[in-house]
Amino acid sequence: MLDRIEQMKKNPVGNPPQRVWQYTYKGQVVYYIPPQCCDMPSVLLNANCETICSPDGGFAGSGDGKCADFFQTRTNEKLIWQDDRKQ
């Protein structure tokens, strides 16, 4: 996850600022990166930083449909990182 965060730090400052959240989902630790804009999908990664799905965002706002239960079943929310740079 640290490599992924370092890559996000190289990108321009987003609005809203980029964040990485950690949860437990279906018995495993996952990392959720919210969408940066209206039509962009979010990303849900497993502990190996492999993409599982996009829970929300995209053109329809409902992600890719592969983990539609994520928001209802996730637990153990923890903010891992937030971009504190100023625009």
PDB file of N, CA and C in Angstrom:
ATOM      1  N   MET A   1       0.818  -1.196   0.000  1.00  0.00           N
ATOM      2  CA  MET A   1       0.000   0.000   0.000  1.00  0.00           C
ATOM      3  C   MET A   1       0.860   1.258   0.000  1.00  0.00           C
ATOM      4  N   LEU A   2       2.032   1.186   0.635  1.00  0.00           N
ATOM      5  CA  LEU A   2       2.896   2.363   0.677  1.00  0.00           C
ATOM      6  C   LEU A   2       3.316   2.810  -0.720  1.00  0.00           C
ATOM      7  N   ASP A   3       3.585   1.869  -1.615  1.00  0.00           N
ATOM      8  CA  ASP A   3       3.932   2.230  -2.997  1.00  0.00           C
ATOM      9  C   ASP A   3       2.774   2.960  -3.666  1.00  0.00           C
ATOM     10  N   ARG A   4       1.569   2.487  -3.432  1.00  0.00           N
ATOM     11  CA  ARG A   4       0.376   3.119  -4.019  1.00  0.00           C
ATOM     12  C   ARG A   4       0.206   4.541  -3.490  1.00  0.00           C
ATOM     13  N   ILE A   5       0.417   4.736  -2.204  1.00  0.00           N
ATOM     14  CA  ILE A   5       0.320   6.076  -1.609  1.00  0.00           C
ATOM     15  C   ILE A   5       1.408   6.984  -2.165  1.00  0.00           C
ATOM     16  N   GLU A   6       2.614   6.482  -2.298  1.00  0.00           N
ATOM     17  CA  GLU A   6       3.704   7.292  -2.869  1.00  0.00           C
ATOM     18  C   GLU A   6       3.359   7.732  -4.291  1.00  0.00           C
ATOM     19  N   GLN A   7       2.728   6.858  -5.053  1.00  0.00           N
ATOM     20  CA  GLN A   7       2.309   7.220  -6.410  1.00  0.00           C
ATOM     21  C   GLN A   7       1.249   8.322  -6.368  1.00  0.00           C
ATOM     22  N   MET A   8       0.299   8.229  -5.443  1.00  0.00           N
ATOM     23  CA  MET A   8      -0.743   9.264  -5.323  1.00  0.00           C
ATOM     24  C   MET A   8      -0.141  10.607  -4.944  1.00  0.00           C
ATOM     25  N   LYS A   9       0.934  10.601  -4.143  1.00  0.00           N
ATOM     26  CA  LYS A   9       1.596  11.845  -3.751  1.00  0.00           C
ATOM     27  C   LYS A   9       2.240  12.549  -4.935  1.00  0.00           C
ATOM     28  N   LYS A  10       2.547  11.803  -5.985  1.00  0.00           N
ATOM     29  CA  LYS A  10       3.157  12.385  -7.185  1.00  0.00           C
ATOM     30  C   LYS A  10       2.119  13.040  -8.090  1.00  0.00           C
ATOM     31  N   ASN A  11       0.848  12.695  -7.902  1.00  0.00           N
ATOM     32  CA  ASN A  11      -0.231  13.276  -8.696  1.00  0.00           C
ATOM     33  C   ASN A  11      -0.560  14.671  -8.180  1.00  0.00           C
ATOM     34  N   PRO A  12      -1.193  15.496  -9.013  1.00  0.00           N
ATOM     35  CA  PRO A  12      -1.632  16.807  -8.526  1.00  0.00           C
ATOM     36  C   PRO A  12      -2.610  16.649  -7.355  1.00  0.00           C
ATOM     37  N   VAL A  13      -2.687  17.662  -6.518  1.00  0.00           N
ATOM     38  CA  VAL A  13      -3.609  17.657  -5.389  1.00  0.00           C
ATOM     39  C   VAL A  13      -5.038  17.564  -5.909  1.00  0.00           C
ATOM     40  N   GLY A  14      -5.804  16.647  -5.349  1.00  0.00           N
ATOM     41  CA  GLY A  14      -7.176  16.451  -5.787  1.00  0.00           C
ATOM     42  C   GLY A  14      -8.161  17.253  -4.961  1.00  0.00           C
ATOM     43  N   ASN A  15      -9.367  17.382  -5.486  1.00  0.00           N
ATOM     44  CA  ASN A  15     -10.452  18.030  -4.767  1.00  0.00           C
ATOM     45  C   ASN A  15     -11.686  17.161  -4.921  1.00  0.00           C
ATOM     46  N   PRO A  16     -12.030  16.391  -3.917  1.00  0.00           N
ATOM     47  CA  PRO A  16     -11.509  16.383  -2.556  1.00  0.00           C
ATOM     48  C   PRO A  16     -10.139  15.713  -2.490  1.00  0.00           C
ATOM     49  N   PRO A  17      -9.417  15.936  -1.388  1.00  0.00           N
ATOM     50  CA  PRO A  17      -8.104  15.305  -1.243  1.00  0.00           C
ATOM     51  C   PRO A  17      -8.220  13.779  -1.289  1.00  0.00           C
ATOM     52  N   GLN A  18      -7.224  13.135  -1.834  1.00  0.00           N
ATOM     53  CA  GLN A  18      -7.231  11.674  -1.889  1.00  0.00           C
ATOM     54  C   GLN A  18      -7.095  11.097  -0.490  1.00  0.00           C
ATOM     55  N   ARG A  19      -7.754   9.947  -0.308  1.00  0.00           N
ATOM     56  CA  ARG A  19      -7.718   9.242   0.972  1.00  0.00           C
ATOM     57  C   ARG A  19      -7.620   7.748   0.707  1.00  0.00           C
ATOM     58  N   VAL A  20      -7.084   7.041   1.690  1.00  0.00           N
ATOM     59  CA  VAL A  20      -7.067   5.578   1.661  1.00  0.00           C
ATOM     60  C   VAL A  20      -7.660   5.113   2.985  1.00  0.00           C
ATOM     61  N   TRP A  21      -8.709   4.303   2.885  1.00  0.00           N
ATOM     62  CA  TRP A  21      -9.389   3.743   4.058  1.00  0.00           C
ATOM     63  C   TRP A  21      -9.139   2.246   4.116  1.00  0.00           C
ATOM     64  N   GLN A  22      -8.975   1.736   5.315  1.00  0.00           N
ATOM     65  CA  GLN A  22      -8.835   0.297   5.520  1.00  0.00           C
ATOM     66  C   GLN A  22     -10.120  -0.234   6.160  1.00  0.00           C
ATOM     67  N   TYR A  23     -10.570  -1.386   5.695  1.00  0.00           N
ATOM     68  CA  TYR A  23     -11.763  -2.048   6.230  1.00  0.00           C
ATOM     69  C   TYR A  23     -11.514  -3.548   6.289  1.00  0.00           C
ATOM     70  N   THR A  24     -12.427  -4.237   6.939  1.00  0.00           N
ATOM     71  CA  THR A  24     -12.536  -5.678   6.809  1.00  0.00           C
ATOM     72  C   THR A  24     -13.757  -5.928   5.944  1.00  0.00           C
ATOM     73  N   TYR A  25     -13.586  -6.735   4.898  1.00  0.00           N
ATOM     74  CA  TYR A  25     -14.670  -7.036   3.961  1.00  0.00           C
ATOM     75  C   TYR A  25     -14.564  -8.513   3.588  1.00  0.00           C
ATOM     76  N   LYS A  26     -15.618  -9.237   3.835  1.00  0.00           N
ATOM     77  CA  LYS A  26     -15.654 -10.677   3.555  1.00  0.00           C
ATOM     78  C   LYS A  26     -14.472 -11.404   4.189  1.00  0.00           C
ATOM     79  N   GLY A  27     -14.142 -11.014   5.424  1.00  0.00           N
ATOM     80  CA  GLY A  27     -13.105 -11.697   6.178  1.00  0.00           C
ATOM     81  C   GLY A  27     -11.681 -11.314   5.843  1.00  0.00           C
ATOM     82  N   GLN A  28     -11.496 -10.324   4.975  1.00  0.00           N
ATOM     83  CA  GLN A  28     -10.132  -9.934   4.629  1.00  0.00           C
ATOM     84  C   GLN A  28      -9.934  -8.431   4.765  1.00  0.00           C
ATOM     85  N   VAL A  29      -8.687  -8.023   4.990  1.00  0.00           N
ATOM     86  CA  VAL A  29      -8.342  -6.607   5.043  1.00  0.00           C
ATOM     87  C   VAL A  29      -8.348  -6.070   3.616  1.00  0.00           C
ATOM     88  N   VAL A  30      -9.037  -4.940   3.427  1.00  0.00           N
ATOM     89  CA  VAL A  30      -9.103  -4.300   2.111  1.00  0.00           C
ATOM     90  C   VAL A  30      -8.831  -2.813   2.269  1.00  0.00           C
ATOM     91  N   TYR A  31      -8.493  -2.181   1.153  1.00  0.00           N
ATOM     92  CA  TYR A  31      -8.222  -0.754   1.121  1.00  0.00           C
ATOM     93  C   TYR A  31      -9.141  -0.111   0.093  1.00  0.00           C
ATOM     94  N   TYR A  32      -9.839   0.928   0.533  1.00  0.00           N
ATOM     95  CA  TYR A  32     -10.804   1.630  -0.315  1.00  0.00           C
ATOM     96  C   TYR A  32     -10.254   3.010  -0.643  1.00  0.00           C
ATOM     97  N   ILE A  33     -10.194   3.325  -1.941  1.00  0.00           N
ATOM     98  CA  ILE A  33      -9.773   4.645  -2.406  1.00  0.00           C
ATOM     99  C   ILE A  33     -10.983   5.278  -3.080  1.00  0.00           C
ATOM    100  N   PRO A  34     -11.595   6.304  -2.434  1.00  0.00           N
ATOM    101  CA  PRO A  34     -12.798   6.932  -2.980  1.00  0.00           C
ATOM    102  C   PRO A  34     -12.542   7.594  -4.339  1.00  0.00           C
ATOM    103  N   PRO A  35     -13.598   7.775  -5.115  1.00  0.00           N
ATOM    104  CA  PRO A  35     -13.444   8.451  -6.409  1.00  0.00           C
ATOM    105  C   PRO A  35     -13.034   9.904  -6.218  1.00  0.00           C
ATOM    106  N   GLN A  36     -12.299  10.434  -7.175  1.00  0.00           N
ATOM    107  CA  GLN A  36     -11.851  11.819  -7.133  1.00  0.00           C
ATOM    108  C   GLN A  36     -12.846  12.780  -7.768  1.00  0.00           C
ATOM    109  N   CYS A  37     -13.682  12.264  -8.606  1.00  0.00           N
ATOM    110  CA  CYS A  37     -14.627  13.148  -9.301  1.00  0.00           C
ATOM    111  C   CYS A  37     -15.879  12.353  -9.638  1.00  0.00           C
ATOM    112  N   CYS A  38     -16.826  13.062 -10.130  1.00  0.00           N
ATOM    113  CA  CYS A  38     -18.165  12.544 -10.407  1.00  0.00           C
ATOM    114  C   CYS A  38     -18.201  11.274 -11.264  1.00  0.00           C
ATOM    115  N   ASP A  39     -17.450  11.197 -12.322  1.00  0.00           N
ATOM    116  CA  ASP A  39     -17.538  10.060 -13.236  1.00  0.00           C
ATOM    117  C   ASP A  39     -16.394   9.056 -13.077  1.00  0.00           C
ATOM    118  N   MET A  40     -15.578   9.232 -12.068  1.00  0.00           N
ATOM    119  CA  MET A  40     -14.452   8.323 -11.854  1.00  0.00           C
ATOM    120  C   MET A  40     -14.859   7.225 -10.868  1.00  0.00           C
ATOM    121  N   PRO A  41     -14.465   5.988 -11.119  1.00  0.00           N
ATOM    122  CA  PRO A  41     -14.795   4.909 -10.181  1.00  0.00           C
ATOM    123  C   PRO A  41     -13.858   4.898  -8.972  1.00  0.00           C
ATOM    124  N   SER A  42     -14.352   4.389  -7.869  1.00  0.00           N
ATOM    125  CA  SER A  42     -13.502   4.152  -6.702  1.00  0.00           C
ATOM    126  C   SER A  42     -12.707   2.870  -6.952  1.00  0.00           C
ATOM    127  N   VAL A  43     -11.803   2.549  -6.030  1.00  0.00           N
ATOM    128  CA  VAL A  43     -11.010   1.328  -6.153  1.00  0.00           C
ATOM    129  C   VAL A  43     -11.004   0.619  -4.802  1.00  0.00           C
ATOM    130  N   LEU A  44     -11.265  -0.681  -4.827  1.00  0.00           N
ATOM    131  CA  LEU A  44     -11.139  -1.509  -3.639  1.00  0.00           C
ATOM    132  C   LEU A  44     -10.024  -2.513  -3.903  1.00  0.00           C
ATOM    133  N   LEU A  45      -9.003  -2.498  -3.025  1.00  0.00           N
ATOM    134  CA  LEU A  45      -7.822  -3.337  -3.193  1.00  0.00           C
ATOM    135  C   LEU A  45      -7.739  -4.363  -2.078  1.00  0.00           C
ATOM    136  N   ASN A  46      -7.170  -5.522  -2.380  1.00  0.00           N
ATOM    137  CA  ASN A  46      -6.925  -6.509  -1.334  1.00  0.00           C
ATOM    138  C   ASN A  46      -5.596  -6.189  -0.647  1.00  0.00           C
ATOM    139  N   ALA A  47      -5.174  -7.013   0.304  1.00  0.00           N
ATOM    140  CA  ALA A  47      -3.949  -6.763   1.060  1.00  0.00           C
ATOM    141  C   ALA A  47      -2.697  -6.762   0.186  1.00  0.00           C
ATOM    142  N   ASN A  48      -2.767  -7.364  -1.006  1.00  0.00           N
ATOM    143  CA  ASN A  48      -1.650  -7.371  -1.949  1.00  0.00           C
ATOM    144  C   ASN A  48      -1.726  -6.227  -2.954  1.00  0.00           C
ATOM    145  N   CYS A  49      -2.641  -5.290  -2.715  1.00  0.00           N
ATOM    146  CA  CYS A  49      -2.872  -4.127  -3.586  1.00  0.00           C
ATOM    147  C   CYS A  49      -3.353  -4.522  -4.976  1.00  0.00           C
ATOM    148  N   GLU A  50      -4.060  -5.631  -5.052  1.00  0.00           N
ATOM    149  CA  GLU A  50      -4.689  -6.051  -6.307  1.00  0.00           C
ATOM    150  C   GLU A  50      -6.132  -5.571  -6.295  1.00  0.00           C
ATOM    151  N   THR A  51      -6.586  -5.047  -7.418  1.00  0.00           N
ATOM    152  CA  THR A  51      -7.940  -4.517  -7.504  1.00  0.00           C
ATOM    153  C   THR A  51      -8.968  -5.633  -7.385  1.00  0.00           C
ATOM    154  N   ILE A  52      -9.914  -5.433  -6.471  1.00  0.00           N
ATOM    155  CA  ILE A  52     -11.028  -6.360  -6.299  1.00  0.00           C
ATOM    156  C   ILE A  52     -12.221  -5.884  -7.119  1.00  0.00           C
ATOM    157  N   CYS A  53     -12.531  -4.579  -6.990  1.00  0.00           N
ATOM    158  CA  CYS A  53     -13.705  -4.029  -7.658  1.00  0.00           C
ATOM    159  C   CYS A  53     -13.720  -2.514  -7.516  1.00  0.00           C
ATOM    160  N   SER A  54     -14.791  -1.919  -8.023  1.00  0.00           N
ATOM    161  CA  SER A  54     -15.076  -0.496  -7.852  1.00  0.00           C
ATOM    162  C   SER A  54     -16.444  -0.391  -7.187  1.00  0.00           C
ATOM    163  N   PRO A  55     -16.491  -0.164  -5.866  1.00  0.00           N
ATOM    164  CA  PRO A  55     -17.772  -0.151  -5.162  1.00  0.00           C
ATOM    165  C   PRO A  55     -18.713   0.984  -5.553  1.00  0.00           C
ATOM    166  N   ASP A  56     -18.157   2.116  -5.971  1.00  0.00           N
ATOM    167  CA  ASP A  56     -19.010   3.255  -6.337  1.00  0.00           C
ATOM    168  C   ASP A  56     -18.294   4.110  -7.364  1.00  0.00           C
ATOM    169  N   GLY A  57     -18.970   5.179  -7.768  1.00  0.00           N
ATOM    170  CA  GLY A  57     -18.412   6.077  -8.770  1.00  0.00           C
ATOM    171  C   GLY A  57     -18.681   5.579 -10.177  1.00  0.00           C
ATOM    172  N   GLY A  58     -18.043   6.190 -11.147  1.00  0.00           N
ATOM    173  CA  GLY A  58     -18.292   5.869 -12.545  1.00  0.00           C
ATOM    174  C   GLY A  58     -19.499   6.637 -13.060  1.00  0.00           C
ATOM    175  N   PHE A  59     -19.854   6.421 -14.301  1.00  0.00           N
ATOM    176  CA  PHE A  59     -20.943   7.175 -14.925  1.00  0.00           C
ATOM    177  C   PHE A  59     -22.275   7.011 -14.207  1.00  0.00           C
ATOM    178  N   ALA A  60     -22.600   5.809 -13.779  1.00  0.00           N
ATOM    179  CA  ALA A  60     -23.874   5.558 -13.104  1.00  0.00           C
ATOM    180  C   ALA A  60     -23.787   5.826 -11.603  1.00  0.00           C
ATOM    181  N   GLY A  61     -22.572   5.948 -11.067  1.00  0.00           N
ATOM    182  CA  GLY A  61     -22.393   6.208  -9.653  1.00  0.00           C
ATOM    183  C   GLY A  61     -22.387   4.962  -8.782  1.00  0.00           C
ATOM    184  N   SER A  62     -22.640   3.801  -9.379  1.00  0.00           N
ATOM    185  CA  SER A  62     -22.746   2.576  -8.583  1.00  0.00           C
ATOM    186  C   SER A  62     -21.576   1.617  -8.798  1.00  0.00           C
ATOM    187  N   GLY A  63     -20.460   2.116  -9.310  1.00  0.00           N
ATOM    188  CA  GLY A  63     -19.278   1.285  -9.504  1.00  0.00           C
ATOM    189  C   GLY A  63     -19.469   0.240 -10.581  1.00  0.00           C
ATOM    190  N   ASP A  64     -18.716  -0.865 -10.449  1.00  0.00           N
ATOM    191  CA  ASP A  64     -18.766  -1.906 -11.472  1.00  0.00           C
ATOM    192  C   ASP A  64     -19.724  -3.046 -11.126  1.00  0.00           C
ATOM    193  N   GLY A  65     -20.365  -2.980  -9.967  1.00  0.00           N
ATOM    194  CA  GLY A  65     -21.342  -3.995  -9.583  1.00  0.00           C
ATOM    195  C   GLY A  65     -20.754  -5.282  -9.038  1.00  0.00           C
ATOM    196  N   LYS A  66     -19.429  -5.385  -8.962  1.00  0.00           N
ATOM    197  CA  LYS A  66     -18.783  -6.620  -8.520  1.00  0.00           C
ATOM    198  C   LYS A  66     -18.759  -6.768  -6.997  1.00  0.00           C
ATOM    199  N   CYS A  67     -19.008  -5.680  -6.283  1.00  0.00           N
ATOM    200  CA  CYS A  67     -19.034  -5.734  -4.812  1.00  0.00           C
ATOM    201  C   CYS A  67     -20.115  -4.792  -4.295  1.00  0.00           C
ATOM    202  N   ALA A  68     -21.310  -5.011  -4.776  1.00  0.00           N
ATOM    203  CA  ALA A  68     -22.443  -4.136  -4.458  1.00  0.00           C
ATOM    204  C   ALA A  68     -22.764  -4.089  -2.973  1.00  0.00           C
ATOM    205  N   ASP A  69     -22.325  -5.092  -2.212  1.00  0.00           N
ATOM    206  CA  ASP A  69     -22.614  -5.133  -0.777  1.00  0.00           C
ATOM    207  C   ASP A  69     -21.517  -4.498   0.084  1.00  0.00           C
ATOM    208  N   PHE A  70     -20.511  -3.919  -0.526  1.00  0.00           N
ATOM    209  CA  PHE A  70     -19.367  -3.400   0.227  1.00  0.00           C
ATOM    210  C   PHE A  70     -19.782  -2.405   1.310  1.00  0.00           C
ATOM    211  N   PHE A  71     -20.562  -1.406   0.965  1.00  0.00           N
ATOM    212  CA  PHE A  71     -20.910  -0.363   1.931  1.00  0.00           C
ATOM    213  C   PHE A  71     -21.808  -0.879   3.053  1.00  0.00           C
ATOM    214  N   GLN A  72     -22.574  -1.912   2.807  1.00  0.00           N
ATOM    215  CA  GLN A  72     -23.454  -2.469   3.826  1.00  0.00           C
ATOM    216  C   GLN A  72     -22.732  -3.451   4.749  1.00  0.00           C
ATOM    217  N   THR A  73     -21.682  -4.096   4.269  1.00  0.00           N
ATOM    218  CA  THR A  73     -21.060  -5.177   5.048  1.00  0.00           C
ATOM    219  C   THR A  73     -19.650  -4.878   5.550  1.00  0.00           C
ATOM    220  N   ARG A  74     -19.038  -3.809   5.118  1.00  0.00           N
ATOM    221  CA  ARG A  74     -17.683  -3.473   5.574  1.00  0.00           C
ATOM    222  C   ARG A  74     -17.678  -3.183   7.083  1.00  0.00           C
ATOM    223  N   THR A  75     -16.553  -3.452   7.727  1.00  0.00           N
ATOM    224  CA  THR A  75     -16.396  -3.177   9.154  1.00  0.00           C
ATOM    225  C   THR A  75     -14.978  -2.679   9.419  1.00  0.00           C
ATOM    226  N   ASN A  76     -14.745  -2.248  10.648  1.00  0.00           N
ATOM    227  CA  ASN A  76     -13.407  -1.857  11.120  1.00  0.00           C
ATOM    228  C   ASN A  76     -12.786  -0.730  10.303  1.00  0.00           C
ATOM    229  N   GLU A  77     -13.545   0.348  10.091  1.00  0.00           N
ATOM    230  CA  GLU A  77     -13.049   1.483   9.312  1.00  0.00           C
ATOM    231  C   GLU A  77     -11.849   2.144   9.982  1.00  0.00           C
ATOM    232  N   LYS A  78     -10.831   2.428   9.173  1.00  0.00           N
ATOM    233  CA  LYS A  78      -9.633   3.108   9.656  1.00  0.00           C
ATOM    234  C   LYS A  78      -9.046   3.946   8.521  1.00  0.00           C
ATOM    235  N   LEU A  79      -8.863   5.234   8.765  1.00  0.00           N
ATOM    236  CA  LEU A  79      -8.222   6.095   7.777  1.00  0.00           C
ATOM    237  C   LEU A  79      -6.723   5.818   7.809  1.00  0.00           C
ATOM    238  N   ILE A  80      -6.182   5.371   6.681  1.00  0.00           N
ATOM    239  CA  ILE A  80      -4.762   5.031   6.568  1.00  0.00           C
ATOM    240  C   ILE A  80      -3.935   6.232   6.131  1.00  0.00           C
ATOM    241  N   TRP A  81      -4.470   7.006   5.185  1.00  0.00           N
ATOM    242  CA  TRP A  81      -3.720   8.142   4.649  1.00  0.00           C
ATOM    243  C   TRP A  81      -4.688   9.154   4.050  1.00  0.00           C
ATOM    244  N   GLN A  82      -4.329  10.428   4.204  1.00  0.00           N
ATOM    245  CA  GLN A  82      -5.056  11.520   3.567  1.00  0.00           C
ATOM    246  C   GLN A  82      -4.048  12.506   3.026  1.00  0.00           C
ATOM    247  N   ASP A  83      -4.255  12.982   1.825  1.00  0.00           N
ATOM    248  CA  ASP A  83      -3.371  13.962   1.210  1.00  0.00           C
ATOM    249  C   ASP A  83      -3.624  15.319   1.872  1.00  0.00           C
ATOM    250  N   ASP A  84      -2.647  15.798   2.623  1.00  0.00           N
ATOM    251  CA  ASP A  84      -2.777  17.059   3.343  1.00  0.00           C
ATOM    252  C   ASP A  84      -2.173  18.239   2.598  1.00  0.00           C
ATOM    253  N   ARG A  85      -1.716  17.997   1.367  1.00  0.00           N
ATOM    254  CA  ARG A  85      -1.146  19.118   0.592  1.00  0.00           C
ATOM    255  C   ARG A  85      -2.232  20.137   0.269  1.00  0.00           C
ATOM    256  N   LYS A  86      -1.848  21.368   0.101  1.00  0.00           N
ATOM    257  CA  LYS A  86      -2.782  22.433  -0.261  1.00  0.00           C
ATOM    258  C   LYS A  86      -2.758  22.651  -1.763  1.00  0.00           C
ATOM    259  N   GLN A  87      -3.906  23.063  -2.293  1.00  0.00           N
ATOM    260  CA  GLN A  87      -3.979  23.345  -3.745  1.00  0.00           C
ATOM    261  C   GLN A  87      -3.357  24.661  -4.066  1.00  0.00           C
TER     262      GLN A  87
END
